[in-house]
Amino acid sequence: MTDNKFDIPHQSPAVPQLLTQESKIHFHCYPGISCFNACCKQADVTLGPYDIIRLQKRLGMNSAEFLKKHTVPFQIDQDGLPGIKLRTTEDRVCLLLDGENGCSVYEDRPTVCRYYPIALLNKREQGSSQAEEDYSLVKEPHCKGHEETREITISDYRQEQGCKEYDDINREWYQLILKRKSAGPGIGRPSETSLQLFFMACYNFDMFRRFVKSENFRKTYVLEDSFYAELENDNVALLRFAFRLLRQVLFAERTIEERQGAWDTRVTQRKEVWEARAQAEVARRQEAEDEKYQNTD
């Protein structure tokens, strides 16, 4: 039984059939096909953290510049977990489309664009702590690539499109979201501070780097000087550390050593807050259920 699902990339309409890496599809996209660039003119692209790292570097922008010019925020779940999408024109045309020449950042294009017309389905089986990956096929009227005769396995298509590197780095992000979605009211609704930390750690790397290098952070966590030297110019290493920190903050997992007494002090200070938050979340969900049945009646 599947406990929860989180679809990245999200596309619609997807053919309701679970596929594996060995499944074969008929698809081919290339310059000259009659629908070339049509998908870029109807863009709905959720960005993962590694997508941002690649695009930010490609465009020569810092985090603040990239987020402001090329993204829009949205809520991933009912608790307000923040996500971001690639900004488009009012007509949904991708801002990175270079006219009829195609994608202007093709070598660094996001995960959603690499996978299309496949949807990557991240899920967790009930009782399991590990996320699993399946796939489904997206068929939209504008796309003529499905009419091509080329047959290819999903495994070979992923390799052809360079998906593996993106998935390997973003996978912990998928797992964080799945765990958050399946945690239930016992964990409680994340505080505004936790949501802000999630946004900063997953998307605003320059700000997160300053946060990690701050005096207060250094006083709280036991980290070597070599660690800080590595994070200075390596956004991927910074992101991997961000995932560790978020597991500690969101789920109280001891992933990073804290200085003596820091953890116990924090637990003591926050215990009542966590309990109150969990009770409030249970009450909120019960009220929502009551309203639903009242509306049905």
C-alpha atoms as a PDB file:
ATOM      1  CA  MET A   1       0.000   0.000   0.000  1.00  0.00           C
ATOM      2  CA  THR A   2       1.337   3.405  -0.929  1.00  0.00           C
ATOM      3  CA  ASP A   3       1.536   5.797   1.984  1.00  0.00           C
ATOM      4  CA  ASN A   4       2.043   8.948  -0.024  1.00  0.00           C
ATOM      5  CA  LYS A   5       3.109  10.218  -3.411  1.00  0.00           C
ATOM      6  CA  PHE A   6       4.920  13.322  -4.561  1.00  0.00           C
ATOM      7  CA  ASP A   7       5.178  13.921  -8.280  1.00  0.00           C
ATOM      8  CA  ILE A   8       8.301  15.653  -9.576  1.00  0.00           C
ATOM      9  CA  PRO A   9       8.165  16.573 -12.347  1.00  0.00           C
ATOM     10  CA  HIS A  10       4.437  17.203 -12.346  1.00  0.00           C
ATOM     11  CA  GLN A  11       2.806  17.062 -15.735  1.00  0.00           C
ATOM     12  CA  SER A  12      -0.772  16.571 -16.872  1.00  0.00           C
ATOM     13  CA  PRO A  13      -2.414  14.643 -18.333  1.00  0.00           C
ATOM     14  CA  ALA A  14      -0.381  11.567 -17.441  1.00  0.00           C
ATOM     15  CA  VAL A  15      -1.398   8.158 -18.720  1.00  0.00           C
ATOM     16  CA  PRO A  16      -2.585   6.322 -15.554  1.00  0.00           C
ATOM     17  CA  GLN A  17      -0.135   3.445 -15.779  1.00  0.00           C
ATOM     18  CA  LEU A  18       2.933   2.931 -13.639  1.00  0.00           C
ATOM     19  CA  LEU A  19       6.053   2.321 -15.683  1.00  0.00           C
ATOM     20  CA  THR A  20       9.518   1.124 -14.709  1.00  0.00           C
ATOM     21  CA  GLN A  21      12.935   1.891 -16.120  1.00  0.00           C
ATOM     22  CA  GLU A  22      12.616  -1.187 -18.343  1.00  0.00           C
ATOM     23  CA  SER A  23       9.321  -0.006 -19.864  1.00  0.00           C
ATOM     24  CA  LYS A  24       9.469   1.062 -23.509  1.00  0.00           C
ATOM     25  CA  ILE A  25       7.870   4.134 -25.027  1.00  0.00           C
ATOM     26  CA  HIS A  26       7.562   5.508 -28.557  1.00  0.00           C
ATOM     27  CA  PHE A  27       8.880   9.047 -28.488  1.00  0.00           C
ATOM     28  CA  HIS A  28      11.347  11.334 -30.215  1.00  0.00           C
ATOM     29  CA  CYS A  29      11.776  15.115 -30.024  1.00  0.00           C
ATOM     30  CA  TYR A  30      14.155  16.994 -32.331  1.00  0.00           C
ATOM     31  CA  PRO A  31      14.553  20.316 -34.162  1.00  0.00           C
ATOM     32  CA  GLY A  32      12.310  20.152 -37.208  1.00  0.00           C
ATOM     33  CA  ILE A  33       9.451  18.222 -35.653  1.00  0.00           C
ATOM     34  CA  SER A  34       6.199  20.096 -36.247  1.00  0.00           C
ATOM     35  CA  CYS A  35       5.580  20.768 -32.531  1.00  0.00           C
ATOM     36  CA  PHE A  36       9.131  21.914 -31.718  1.00  0.00           C
ATOM     37  CA  ASN A  37       9.050  24.373 -28.775  1.00  0.00           C
ATOM     38  CA  ALA A  38       5.300  23.884 -28.211  1.00  0.00           C
ATOM     39  CA  CYS A  39       5.834  22.516 -24.698  1.00  0.00           C
ATOM     40  CA  CYS A  40       8.004  25.547 -23.860  1.00  0.00           C
ATOM     41  CA  LYS A  41       5.050  27.761 -24.778  1.00  0.00           C
ATOM     42  CA  GLN A  42       2.812  25.978 -22.245  1.00  0.00           C
ATOM     43  CA  ALA A  43       5.321  25.729 -19.418  1.00  0.00           C
ATOM     44  CA  ASP A  44       4.532  24.679 -15.857  1.00  0.00           C
ATOM     45  CA  VAL A  45       7.937  23.782 -14.448  1.00  0.00           C
ATOM     46  CA  THR A  46       8.539  23.031 -10.781  1.00  0.00           C
ATOM     47  CA  LEU A  47      12.188  23.594  -9.905  1.00  0.00           C
ATOM     48  CA  GLY A  48      14.195  21.339  -7.626  1.00  0.00           C
ATOM     49  CA  PRO A  49      17.245  22.644  -5.761  1.00  0.00           C
ATOM     50  CA  TYR A  50      19.778  21.262  -8.260  1.00  0.00           C
ATOM     51  CA  ASP A  51      17.832  22.842 -11.126  1.00  0.00           C
ATOM     52  CA  ILE A  52      18.403  26.201  -9.458  1.00  0.00           C
ATOM     53  CA  ILE A  53      22.101  25.551  -8.932  1.00  0.00           C
ATOM     54  CA  ARG A  54      22.576  24.786 -12.618  1.00  0.00           C
ATOM     55  CA  LEU A  55      20.446  27.647 -13.928  1.00  0.00           C
ATOM     56  CA  GLN A  56      21.883  30.220 -11.539  1.00  0.00           C
ATOM     57  CA  LYS A  57      25.412  29.333 -12.624  1.00  0.00           C
ATOM     58  CA  ARG A  58      24.458  29.238 -16.314  1.00  0.00           C
ATOM     59  CA  LEU A  59      22.880  32.691 -16.157  1.00  0.00           C
ATOM     60  CA  GLY A  60      25.683  34.180 -14.054  1.00  0.00           C
ATOM     61  CA  MET A  61      23.312  35.339 -11.324  1.00  0.00           C
ATOM     62  CA  ASN A  62      23.420  35.245  -7.558  1.00  0.00           C
ATOM     63  CA  SER A  63      20.552  33.560  -5.715  1.00  0.00           C
ATOM     64  CA  ALA A  64      18.555  36.721  -5.043  1.00  0.00           C
ATOM     65  CA  GLU A  65      18.766  37.836  -8.681  1.00  0.00           C
ATOM     66  CA  PHE A  66      17.748  34.451 -10.052  1.00  0.00           C
ATOM     67  CA  LEU A  67      14.835  33.939  -7.660  1.00  0.00           C
ATOM     68  CA  LYS A  68      13.468  37.414  -8.337  1.00  0.00           C
ATOM     69  CA  LYS A  69      13.759  37.324 -12.127  1.00  0.00           C
ATOM     70  CA  HIS A  70      13.062  33.705 -12.994  1.00  0.00           C
ATOM     71  CA  THR A  71      10.849  32.111 -10.327  1.00  0.00           C
ATOM     72  CA  VAL A  72       7.450  32.343  -8.644  1.00  0.00           C
ATOM     73  CA  PRO A  73       6.592  30.733  -5.271  1.00  0.00           C
ATOM     74  CA  PHE A  74       3.865  28.198  -4.576  1.00  0.00           C
ATOM     75  CA  GLN A  75       2.835  25.908  -1.718  1.00  0.00           C
ATOM     76  CA  ILE A  76       3.748  22.247  -2.066  1.00  0.00           C
ATOM     77  CA  ASP A  77       1.315  21.046   0.609  1.00  0.00           C
ATOM     78  CA  GLN A  78      -1.506  22.184   2.883  1.00  0.00           C
ATOM     79  CA  ASP A  79       0.979  23.150   5.589  1.00  0.00           C
ATOM     80  CA  GLY A  80       2.601  25.772   3.397  1.00  0.00           C
ATOM     81  CA  LEU A  81       5.840  23.967   2.529  1.00  0.00           C
ATOM     82  CA  PRO A  82       7.408  26.326  -0.018  1.00  0.00           C
ATOM     83  CA  GLY A  83       8.211  25.418  -3.590  1.00  0.00           C
ATOM     84  CA  ILE A  84       9.107  27.470  -6.643  1.00  0.00           C
ATOM     85  CA  LYS A  85       8.215  27.320 -10.306  1.00  0.00           C
ATOM     86  CA  LEU A  86       9.962  28.720 -13.336  1.00  0.00           C
ATOM     87  CA  ARG A  87       8.527  32.121 -14.229  1.00  0.00           C
ATOM     88  CA  THR A  88       6.720  32.458 -17.573  1.00  0.00           C
ATOM     89  CA  THR A  89       4.932  35.184 -19.513  1.00  0.00           C
ATOM     90  CA  GLU A  90       1.208  35.705 -18.909  1.00  0.00           C
ATOM     91  CA  ASP A  91       0.657  33.354 -21.852  1.00  0.00           C
ATOM     92  CA  ARG A  92       2.756  30.646 -20.100  1.00  0.00           C
ATOM     93  CA  VAL A  93       5.726  30.967 -22.453  1.00  0.00           C
ATOM     94  CA  CYS A  94       9.016  30.090 -20.777  1.00  0.00           C
ATOM     95  CA  LEU A  95      11.253  33.146 -20.359  1.00  0.00           C
ATOM     96  CA  LEU A  96      14.271  31.029 -21.308  1.00  0.00           C
ATOM     97  CA  LEU A  97      12.885  30.157 -24.734  1.00  0.00           C
ATOM     98  CA  ASP A  98      14.991  31.681 -27.521  1.00  0.00           C
ATOM     99  CA  GLY A  99      12.305  32.133 -30.155  1.00  0.00           C
ATOM    100  CA  GLU A 100      12.217  29.305 -32.668  1.00  0.00           C
ATOM    101  CA  ASN A 101      15.794  28.343 -31.788  1.00  0.00           C
ATOM    102  CA  GLY A 102      14.611  26.464 -28.733  1.00  0.00           C
ATOM    103  CA  CYS A 103      15.802  26.471 -25.141  1.00  0.00           C
ATOM    104  CA  SER A 104      18.538  29.018 -24.487  1.00  0.00           C
ATOM    105  CA  VAL A 105      19.857  27.001 -21.513  1.00  0.00           C
ATOM    106  CA  TYR A 106      19.369  23.536 -22.981  1.00  0.00           C
ATOM    107  CA  GLU A 107      22.505  21.982 -21.458  1.00  0.00           C
ATOM    108  CA  ASP A 108      21.318  23.143 -18.006  1.00  0.00           C
ATOM    109  CA  ARG A 109      17.561  22.715 -18.474  1.00  0.00           C
ATOM    110  CA  PRO A 110      15.477  21.712 -15.418  1.00  0.00           C
ATOM    111  CA  THR A 111      14.508  18.178 -14.425  1.00  0.00           C
ATOM    112  CA  VAL A 112      10.915  18.559 -15.648  1.00  0.00           C
ATOM    113  CA  CYS A 113      12.133  19.521 -19.106  1.00  0.00           C
ATOM    114  CA  ARG A 114      14.610  16.634 -19.233  1.00  0.00           C
ATOM    115  CA  TYR A 115      11.991  14.056 -18.306  1.00  0.00           C
ATOM    116  CA  TYR A 116       9.208  15.252 -20.607  1.00  0.00           C
ATOM    117  CA  PRO A 117       7.060  13.396 -21.696  1.00  0.00           C
ATOM    118  CA  ILE A 118       7.701  11.181 -18.679  1.00  0.00           C
ATOM    119  CA  ALA A 119       6.498  12.045 -15.178  1.00  0.00           C
ATOM    120  CA  LEU A 120       8.730  10.947 -12.309  1.00  0.00           C
ATOM    121  CA  LEU A 121       6.630   9.640  -9.413  1.00  0.00           C
ATOM    122  CA  ASN A 122       8.261   9.652  -5.988  1.00  0.00           C
ATOM    123  CA  LYS A 123       6.416   7.602  -3.371  1.00  0.00           C
ATOM    124  CA  ARG A 124       6.884   5.897  -0.011  1.00  0.00           C
ATOM    125  CA  GLU A 125       5.391   2.538   0.851  1.00  0.00           C
ATOM    126  CA  GLN A 126       3.587   2.425   4.181  1.00  0.00           C
ATOM    127  CA  GLY A 127       6.043   1.567   6.941  1.00  0.00           C
ATOM    128  CA  SER A 128       9.074   2.300   4.790  1.00  0.00           C
ATOM    129  CA  SER A 129      11.543   5.125   5.305  1.00  0.00           C
ATOM    130  CA  GLN A 130      12.783   5.008   1.713  1.00  0.00           C
ATOM    131  CA  ALA A 131      11.314   6.760  -1.293  1.00  0.00           C
ATOM    132  CA  GLU A 132      10.698   4.739  -4.450  1.00  0.00           C
ATOM    133  CA  GLU A 133      10.610   6.010  -8.008  1.00  0.00           C
ATOM    134  CA  ASP A 134       8.143   5.026 -10.710  1.00  0.00           C
ATOM    135  CA  TYR A 135       7.174   6.717 -13.935  1.00  0.00           C
ATOM    136  CA  SER A 136       4.123   7.497 -16.033  1.00  0.00           C
ATOM    137  CA  LEU A 137       3.697   8.792 -19.549  1.00  0.00           C
ATOM    138  CA  VAL A 138       2.427  12.287 -20.320  1.00  0.00           C
ATOM    139  CA  LYS A 139       0.418  12.710 -23.519  1.00  0.00           C
ATOM    140  CA  GLU A 140      -0.684  16.208 -24.500  1.00  0.00           C
ATOM    141  CA  PRO A 141      -2.442  17.125 -27.751  1.00  0.00           C
ATOM    142  CA  HIS A 142       0.272  19.526 -28.915  1.00  0.00           C
ATOM    143  CA  CYS A 143       3.074  16.930 -28.658  1.00  0.00           C
ATOM    144  CA  LYS A 144       3.768  14.989 -31.864  1.00  0.00           C
ATOM    145  CA  GLY A 145       6.793  13.186 -30.476  1.00  0.00           C
ATOM    146  CA  HIS A 146       4.565  10.252 -29.541  1.00  0.00           C
ATOM    147  CA  GLU A 147       3.845   9.658 -33.231  1.00  0.00           C
ATOM    148  CA  GLU A 148       7.510   8.984 -33.973  1.00  0.00           C
ATOM    149  CA  THR A 149       8.531   5.365 -34.595  1.00  0.00           C
ATOM    150  CA  ARG A 150      11.588   5.370 -32.318  1.00  0.00           C
ATOM    151  CA  GLU A 151      11.217   2.977 -29.392  1.00  0.00           C
ATOM    152  CA  ILE A 152      13.297   3.563 -26.270  1.00  0.00           C
ATOM    153  CA  THR A 153      13.312   2.313 -22.685  1.00  0.00           C
ATOM    154  CA  ILE A 154      12.790   4.804 -19.894  1.00  0.00           C
ATOM    155  CA  SER A 155      16.233   3.868 -18.588  1.00  0.00           C
ATOM    156  CA  ASP A 156      17.876   4.765 -21.898  1.00  0.00           C
ATOM    157  CA  TYR A 157      15.766   7.911 -22.215  1.00  0.00           C
ATOM    158  CA  ARG A 158      16.859   9.060 -18.739  1.00  0.00           C
ATOM    159  CA  GLN A 159      20.480   8.493 -19.705  1.00  0.00           C
ATOM    160  CA  GLU A 160      20.021  10.297 -23.016  1.00  0.00           C
ATOM    161  CA  GLN A 161      18.464  13.307 -21.293  1.00  0.00           C
ATOM    162  CA  GLY A 162      20.971  13.472 -18.421  1.00  0.00           C
ATOM    163  CA  CYS A 163      18.385  12.867 -15.691  1.00  0.00           C
ATOM    164  CA  LYS A 164      20.488  10.725 -13.367  1.00  0.00           C
ATOM    165  CA  GLU A 165      22.743  13.519 -12.094  1.00  0.00           C
ATOM    166  CA  TYR A 166      19.729  15.684 -11.327  1.00  0.00           C
ATOM    167  CA  ASP A 167      17.868  12.877  -9.553  1.00  0.00           C
ATOM    168  CA  ASP A 168      20.898  11.809  -7.519  1.00  0.00           C
ATOM    169  CA  ILE A 169      21.256  15.298  -6.057  1.00  0.00           C
ATOM    170  CA  ASN A 170      17.555  16.176  -5.726  1.00  0.00           C
ATOM    171  CA  ARG A 171      16.559  12.791  -4.272  1.00  0.00           C
ATOM    172  CA  GLU A 172      16.976  13.862  -0.641  1.00  0.00           C
ATOM    173  CA  TRP A 173      14.746  16.855  -1.362  1.00  0.00           C
ATOM    174  CA  TYR A 174      12.028  14.529  -2.675  1.00  0.00           C
ATOM    175  CA  GLN A 175      12.400  12.398   0.457  1.00  0.00           C
ATOM    176  CA  LEU A 176      12.099  15.405   2.769  1.00  0.00           C
ATOM    177  CA  ILE A 177       8.852  16.442   1.097  1.00  0.00           C
ATOM    178  CA  LEU A 178       7.442  12.906   1.182  1.00  0.00           C
ATOM    179  CA  LYS A 179       8.304  12.504   4.845  1.00  0.00           C
ATOM    180  CA  ARG A 180       6.766  15.873   5.643  1.00  0.00           C
ATOM    181  CA  LYS A 181       3.566  14.971   3.744  1.00  0.00           C
ATOM    182  CA  SER A 182       3.231  11.578   5.415  1.00  0.00           C
ATOM    183  CA  ALA A 183       4.215  12.649   8.939  1.00  0.00           C
ATOM    184  CA  GLY A 184       0.656  13.343  10.066  1.00  0.00           C
ATOM    185  CA  PRO A 185      -0.513  15.718  12.800  1.00  0.00           C
ATOM    186  CA  GLY A 186       1.849  14.204  15.402  1.00  0.00           C
ATOM    187  CA  ILE A 187       4.707  16.253  13.965  1.00  0.00           C
ATOM    188  CA  GLY A 188       2.562  19.367  13.857  1.00  0.00           C
ATOM    189  CA  ARG A 189       2.398  22.177  11.376  1.00  0.00           C
ATOM    190  CA  PRO A 190       5.900  23.581  10.699  1.00  0.00           C
ATOM    191  CA  SER A 191       6.603  26.931  12.312  1.00  0.00           C
ATOM    192  CA  GLU A 192       7.043  29.964  10.104  1.00  0.00           C
ATOM    193  CA  THR A 193      10.742  29.917  11.001  1.00  0.00           C
ATOM    194  CA  SER A 194      11.047  26.290   9.820  1.00  0.00           C
ATOM    195  CA  LEU A 195       9.313  27.115   6.539  1.00  0.00           C
ATOM    196  CA  GLN A 196      11.636  30.069   6.002  1.00  0.00           C
ATOM    197  CA  LEU A 197      14.637  27.843   6.706  1.00  0.00           C
ATOM    198  CA  PHE A 198      13.346  25.284   4.193  1.00  0.00           C
ATOM    199  CA  PHE A 199      13.060  27.965   1.502  1.00  0.00           C
ATOM    200  CA  MET A 200      16.488  29.406   2.251  1.00  0.00           C
ATOM    201  CA  ALA A 201      18.250  26.029   2.475  1.00  0.00           C
ATOM    202  CA  CYS A 202      16.695  24.582  -0.702  1.00  0.00           C
ATOM    203  CA  TYR A 203      16.556  27.634  -2.969  1.00  0.00           C
ATOM    204  CA  ASN A 204      18.478  30.683  -1.718  1.00  0.00           C
ATOM    205  CA  PHE A 205      21.991  29.281  -1.488  1.00  0.00           C
ATOM    206  CA  ASP A 206      23.836  32.563  -0.997  1.00  0.00           C
ATOM    207  CA  MET A 207      21.692  33.450   1.992  1.00  0.00           C
ATOM    208  CA  PHE A 208      21.978  29.923   3.417  1.00  0.00           C
ATOM    209  CA  ARG A 209      25.774  30.050   3.097  1.00  0.00           C
ATOM    210  CA  ARG A 210      25.851  33.278   5.122  1.00  0.00           C
ATOM    211  CA  PHE A 211      23.581  31.669   7.707  1.00  0.00           C
ATOM    212  CA  VAL A 212      25.830  28.616   8.072  1.00  0.00           C
ATOM    213  CA  LYS A 213      28.944  30.804   8.373  1.00  0.00           C
ATOM    214  CA  SER A 214      27.376  33.020  11.055  1.00  0.00           C
ATOM    215  CA  GLU A 215      28.812  33.149  14.567  1.00  0.00           C
ATOM    216  CA  ASN A 216      25.649  31.777  16.181  1.00  0.00           C
ATOM    217  CA  PHE A 217      25.610  28.779  13.860  1.00  0.00           C
ATOM    218  CA  ARG A 218      29.262  27.999  14.573  1.00  0.00           C
ATOM    219  CA  LYS A 219      28.557  28.202  18.308  1.00  0.00           C
ATOM    220  CA  THR A 220      25.740  25.661  17.999  1.00  0.00           C
ATOM    221  CA  TYR A 221      27.200  22.972  15.726  1.00  0.00           C
ATOM    222  CA  VAL A 222      30.507  21.092  15.802  1.00  0.00           C
ATOM    223  CA  LEU A 223      31.911  21.455  12.278  1.00  0.00           C
ATOM    224  CA  GLU A 224      35.502  21.428  11.075  1.00  0.00           C
ATOM    225  CA  ASP A 225      37.204  24.371   9.367  1.00  0.00           C
ATOM    226  CA  SER A 226      37.623  22.122   6.322  1.00  0.00           C
ATOM    227  CA  PHE A 227      33.826  21.869   6.141  1.00  0.00           C
ATOM    228  CA  TYR A 228      33.471  25.635   5.897  1.00  0.00           C
ATOM    229  CA  ALA A 229      36.237  25.806   3.312  1.00  0.00           C
ATOM    230  CA  GLU A 230      34.430  23.239   1.146  1.00  0.00           C
ATOM    231  CA  LEU A 231      31.127  25.130   1.332  1.00  0.00           C
ATOM    232  CA  GLU A 232      32.692  28.429   0.307  1.00  0.00           C
ATOM    233  CA  ASN A 233      32.340  27.808  -3.441  1.00  0.00           C
ATOM    234  CA  ASP A 234      30.553  24.449  -3.723  1.00  0.00           C
ATOM    235  CA  ASN A 235      26.776  24.810  -3.913  1.00  0.00           C
ATOM    236  CA  VAL A 236      26.213  21.052  -4.245  1.00  0.00           C
ATOM    237  CA  ALA A 237      28.098  20.363  -1.002  1.00  0.00           C
ATOM    238  CA  LEU A 238      26.144  23.192   0.621  1.00  0.00           C
ATOM    239  CA  LEU A 239      22.870  21.643  -0.583  1.00  0.00           C
ATOM    240  CA  ARG A 240      23.743  18.201   0.754  1.00  0.00           C
ATOM    241  CA  PHE A 241      24.451  19.792   4.138  1.00  0.00           C
ATOM    242  CA  ALA A 242      21.140  21.670   3.906  1.00  0.00           C
ATOM    243  CA  PHE A 243      19.270  18.374   3.620  1.00  0.00           C
ATOM    244  CA  ARG A 244      21.018  17.076   6.761  1.00  0.00           C
ATOM    245  CA  LEU A 245      20.131  20.227   8.678  1.00  0.00           C
ATOM    246  CA  LEU A 246      16.494  20.120   7.560  1.00  0.00           C
ATOM    247  CA  ARG A 247      16.114  16.539   8.766  1.00  0.00           C
ATOM    248  CA  GLN A 248      17.372  17.702  12.139  1.00  0.00           C
ATOM    249  CA  VAL A 249      15.139  20.776  12.288  1.00  0.00           C
ATOM    250  CA  LEU A 250      11.948  19.280  10.835  1.00  0.00           C
ATOM    251  CA  PHE A 251      12.082  15.750  12.219  1.00  0.00           C
ATOM    252  CA  ALA A 252      14.488  15.975  15.198  1.00  0.00           C
ATOM    253  CA  GLU A 253      16.951  13.570  13.582  1.00  0.00           C
ATOM    254  CA  ARG A 254      20.441  13.859  15.041  1.00  0.00           C
ATOM    255  CA  THR A 255      22.253  14.333  11.729  1.00  0.00           C
ATOM    256  CA  ILE A 256      24.740  17.031  12.832  1.00  0.00           C
ATOM    257  CA  GLU A 257      26.729  17.059  16.065  1.00  0.00           C
ATOM    258  CA  GLU A 258      25.841  19.945  18.346  1.00  0.00           C
ATOM    259  CA  ARG A 259      28.003  21.440  21.043  1.00  0.00           C
ATOM    260  CA  GLN A 260      27.519  20.046  24.522  1.00  0.00           C
ATOM    261  CA  GLY A 261      24.152  20.977  25.971  1.00  0.00           C
ATOM    262  CA  ALA A 262      22.853  22.689  22.818  1.00  0.00           C
ATOM    263  CA  TRP A 263      20.476  19.865  21.820  1.00  0.00           C
ATOM    264  CA  ASP A 264      19.061  19.274  25.318  1.00  0.00           C
ATOM    265  CA  THR A 265      18.546  22.984  25.823  1.00  0.00           C
ATOM    266  CA  ARG A 266      16.710  23.302  22.533  1.00  0.00           C
ATOM    267  CA  VAL A 267      14.510  20.265  23.218  1.00  0.00           C
ATOM    268  CA  THR A 268      13.574  21.594  26.650  1.00  0.00           C
ATOM    269  CA  GLN A 269      12.771  25.033  25.279  1.00  0.00           C
ATOM    270  CA  ARG A 270      10.725  23.709  22.389  1.00  0.00           C
ATOM    271  CA  LYS A 271       8.954  20.739  23.977  1.00  0.00           C
ATOM    272  CA  GLU A 272       5.892  22.708  25.021  1.00  0.00           C
ATOM    273  CA  VAL A 273       5.844  24.504  21.676  1.00  0.00           C
ATOM    274  CA  TRP A 274       5.978  21.194  19.759  1.00  0.00           C
ATOM    275  CA  GLU A 275       3.192  19.709  21.881  1.00  0.00           C
ATOM    276  CA  ALA A 276       0.978  22.772  21.497  1.00  0.00           C
ATOM    277  CA  ARG A 277       1.632  22.827  17.745  1.00  0.00           C
ATOM    278  CA  ALA A 278       0.734  19.134  17.394  1.00  0.00           C
ATOM    279  CA  GLN A 279      -2.493  19.609  19.382  1.00  0.00           C
ATOM    280  CA  ALA A 280      -3.417  22.635  17.288  1.00  0.00           C
ATOM    281  CA  GLU A 281      -2.813  20.654  14.109  1.00  0.00           C
ATOM    282  CA  VAL A 282      -5.024  17.781  15.274  1.00  0.00           C
ATOM    283  CA  ALA A 283      -7.770  20.269  16.141  1.00  0.00           C
ATOM    284  CA  ARG A 284      -7.408  22.035  12.796  1.00  0.00           C
ATOM    285  CA  ARG A 285      -7.711  18.821  10.824  1.00  0.00           C
ATOM    286  CA  GLN A 286     -10.677  17.659  12.894  1.00  0.00           C
ATOM    287  CA  GLU A 287     -12.411  20.987  12.289  1.00  0.00           C
ATOM    288  CA  ALA A 288     -11.779  20.634   8.570  1.00  0.00           C
ATOM    289  CA  GLU A 289     -13.299  17.128   8.629  1.00  0.00           C
ATOM    290  CA  ASP A 290     -16.340  18.387  10.554  1.00  0.00           C
ATOM    291  CA  GLU A 291     -16.855  21.195   8.047  1.00  0.00           C
ATOM    292  CA  LYS A 292     -16.611  18.753   5.162  1.00  0.00           C
ATOM    293  CA  TYR A 293     -19.356  16.540   6.571  1.00  0.00           C
ATOM    294  CA  GLN A 294     -21.524  19.551   7.434  1.00  0.00           C
ATOM    295  CA  ASN A 295     -21.259  20.748   3.858  1.00  0.00           C
ATOM    296  CA  THR A 296     -22.160  17.259   2.629  1.00  0.00           C
ATOM    297  CA  ASP A 297     -25.264  17.206   4.815  1.00  0.00           C
END
